[in-house]
Amino acid sequence: MTPFETELSYFIAHQDELVAKHPGKTLVLRGEKVEGVYDNALAALVDAQSKWPLGTFMIQPCFAGPGAYTAILA
């Protein structure tokens, strides 16, 4: 499993509890760990890339439903 797959699987498996704890926030995930909680994706990216190389963390919006982790391509 790739790091991205691990992080995405972690988010999906724990989505309900993460949304209950951090509704509407943006999370930085590394592996199976929440490394940070932010008000927006830009703040998450700026802080995370100051700590880790790009490609070693995932920025994830924290809201309910599959729309939080899927994209519709038109």
C-alpha atoms as a PDB file:
ATOM      1  CA  MET A   1       0.000   0.000   0.000  1.00  0.00           C
ATOM      2  CA  THR A   2       1.327   3.464  -0.869  1.00  0.00           C
ATOM      3  CA  PRO A   3       1.512   6.198   1.782  1.00  0.00           C
ATOM      4  CA  PHE A   4      -1.417   7.983   0.107  1.00  0.00           C
ATOM      5  CA  GLU A   5      -3.515   4.805   0.184  1.00  0.00           C
ATOM      6  CA  THR A   6      -2.655   4.324   3.862  1.00  0.00           C
ATOM      7  CA  GLU A   7      -3.674   7.891   4.727  1.00  0.00           C
ATOM      8  CA  LEU A   8      -6.859   7.755   2.681  1.00  0.00           C
ATOM      9  CA  SER A   9      -7.833   4.400   4.184  1.00  0.00           C
ATOM     10  CA  TYR A  10      -7.177   5.780   7.665  1.00  0.00           C
ATOM     11  CA  PHE A  11      -9.380   8.801   6.998  1.00  0.00           C
ATOM     12  CA  ILE A  12     -12.229   6.716   5.607  1.00  0.00           C
ATOM     13  CA  ALA A  13     -12.061   4.226   8.486  1.00  0.00           C
ATOM     14  CA  HIS A  14     -12.043   6.996  11.102  1.00  0.00           C
ATOM     15  CA  GLN A  15     -14.090   9.622   9.282  1.00  0.00           C
ATOM     16  CA  ASP A  16     -17.004   9.674  11.735  1.00  0.00           C
ATOM     17  CA  GLU A  17     -14.809  10.203  14.792  1.00  0.00           C
ATOM     18  CA  LEU A  18     -12.573  12.735  13.008  1.00  0.00           C
ATOM     19  CA  VAL A  19     -15.582  14.764  11.829  1.00  0.00           C
ATOM     20  CA  ALA A  20     -17.062  14.677  15.341  1.00  0.00           C
ATOM     21  CA  LYS A  21     -13.784  15.979  16.759  1.00  0.00           C
ATOM     22  CA  HIS A  22     -12.729  18.399  13.966  1.00  0.00           C
ATOM     23  CA  PRO A  23     -15.829  19.362  11.933  1.00  0.00           C
ATOM     24  CA  GLY A  24     -15.078  21.592   8.944  1.00  0.00           C
ATOM     25  CA  LYS A  25     -11.345  21.700   9.614  1.00  0.00           C
ATOM     26  CA  THR A  26      -8.511  20.586   7.351  1.00  0.00           C
ATOM     27  CA  LEU A  27      -6.307  17.734   8.531  1.00  0.00           C
ATOM     28  CA  VAL A  28      -2.726  16.826   7.760  1.00  0.00           C
ATOM     29  CA  LEU A  29      -2.340  13.053   7.810  1.00  0.00           C
ATOM     30  CA  ARG A  30       0.876  11.045   7.737  1.00  0.00           C
ATOM     31  CA  GLY A  31       0.398   7.324   7.746  1.00  0.00           C
ATOM     32  CA  GLU A  32      -2.262   6.532  10.307  1.00  0.00           C
ATOM     33  CA  LYS A  33      -1.793   9.697  12.336  1.00  0.00           C
ATOM     34  CA  VAL A  34      -3.334  13.164  12.369  1.00  0.00           C
ATOM     35  CA  GLU A  35      -0.316  15.477  12.454  1.00  0.00           C
ATOM     36  CA  GLY A  36      -2.234  18.748  12.451  1.00  0.00           C
ATOM     37  CA  VAL A  37      -5.659  20.396  12.379  1.00  0.00           C
ATOM     38  CA  TYR A  38      -6.076  23.689  10.514  1.00  0.00           C
ATOM     39  CA  ASP A  39      -8.749  26.187   9.546  1.00  0.00           C
ATOM     40  CA  ASN A  40      -7.987  25.881   5.826  1.00  0.00           C
ATOM     41  CA  ALA A  41      -5.930  23.966   3.279  1.00  0.00           C
ATOM     42  CA  LEU A  42      -3.420  26.770   2.733  1.00  0.00           C
ATOM     43  CA  ALA A  43      -2.504  26.915   6.415  1.00  0.00           C
ATOM     44  CA  ALA A  44      -2.216  23.121   6.440  1.00  0.00           C
ATOM     45  CA  LEU A  45       0.047  23.092   3.382  1.00  0.00           C
ATOM     46  CA  VAL A  46       2.331  25.891   4.569  1.00  0.00           C
ATOM     47  CA  ASP A  47       2.863  24.319   7.978  1.00  0.00           C
ATOM     48  CA  ALA A  48       3.157  20.728   6.742  1.00  0.00           C
ATOM     49  CA  GLN A  49       5.683  21.501   4.016  1.00  0.00           C
ATOM     50  CA  SER A  50       7.816  23.354   6.556  1.00  0.00           C
ATOM     51  CA  LYS A  51       8.073  20.054   8.457  1.00  0.00           C
ATOM     52  CA  TRP A  52       8.027  17.316   5.792  1.00  0.00           C
ATOM     53  CA  PRO A  53       8.788  16.954   2.083  1.00  0.00           C
ATOM     54  CA  LEU A  54       5.896  17.230  -0.353  1.00  0.00           C
ATOM     55  CA  GLY A  55       4.490  13.806  -1.104  1.00  0.00           C
ATOM     56  CA  THR A  56       4.952  12.541   2.461  1.00  0.00           C
ATOM     57  CA  PHE A  57       1.674  13.842   3.893  1.00  0.00           C
ATOM     58  CA  MET A  58      -1.946  14.221   2.861  1.00  0.00           C
ATOM     59  CA  ILE A  59      -4.135  17.278   3.310  1.00  0.00           C
ATOM     60  CA  GLN A  60      -7.704  16.176   3.950  1.00  0.00           C
ATOM     61  CA  PRO A  61     -10.878  18.239   4.387  1.00  0.00           C
ATOM     62  CA  CYS A  62     -12.753  16.949   7.411  1.00  0.00           C
ATOM     63  CA  PHE A  63     -16.456  16.661   6.701  1.00  0.00           C
ATOM     64  CA  ALA A  64     -18.966  13.824   6.493  1.00  0.00           C
ATOM     65  CA  GLY A  65     -19.743  11.690   3.480  1.00  0.00           C
ATOM     66  CA  PRO A  66     -17.817  10.414   0.483  1.00  0.00           C
ATOM     67  CA  GLY A  67     -17.610  13.928  -0.972  1.00  0.00           C
ATOM     68  CA  ALA A  68     -14.795  14.569   1.509  1.00  0.00           C
ATOM     69  CA  TYR A  69     -12.518  12.103  -0.280  1.00  0.00           C
ATOM     70  CA  THR A  70     -13.811  11.769  -3.838  1.00  0.00           C
ATOM     71  CA  ALA A  71     -13.664  13.984  -6.889  1.00  0.00           C
ATOM     72  CA  ILE A  72     -16.068  14.167  -9.777  1.00  0.00           C
ATOM     73  CA  LEU A  73     -14.322  14.624 -13.075  1.00  0.00           C
ATOM     74  CA  ALA A  74     -16.398  16.196 -15.819  1.00  0.00           C
END
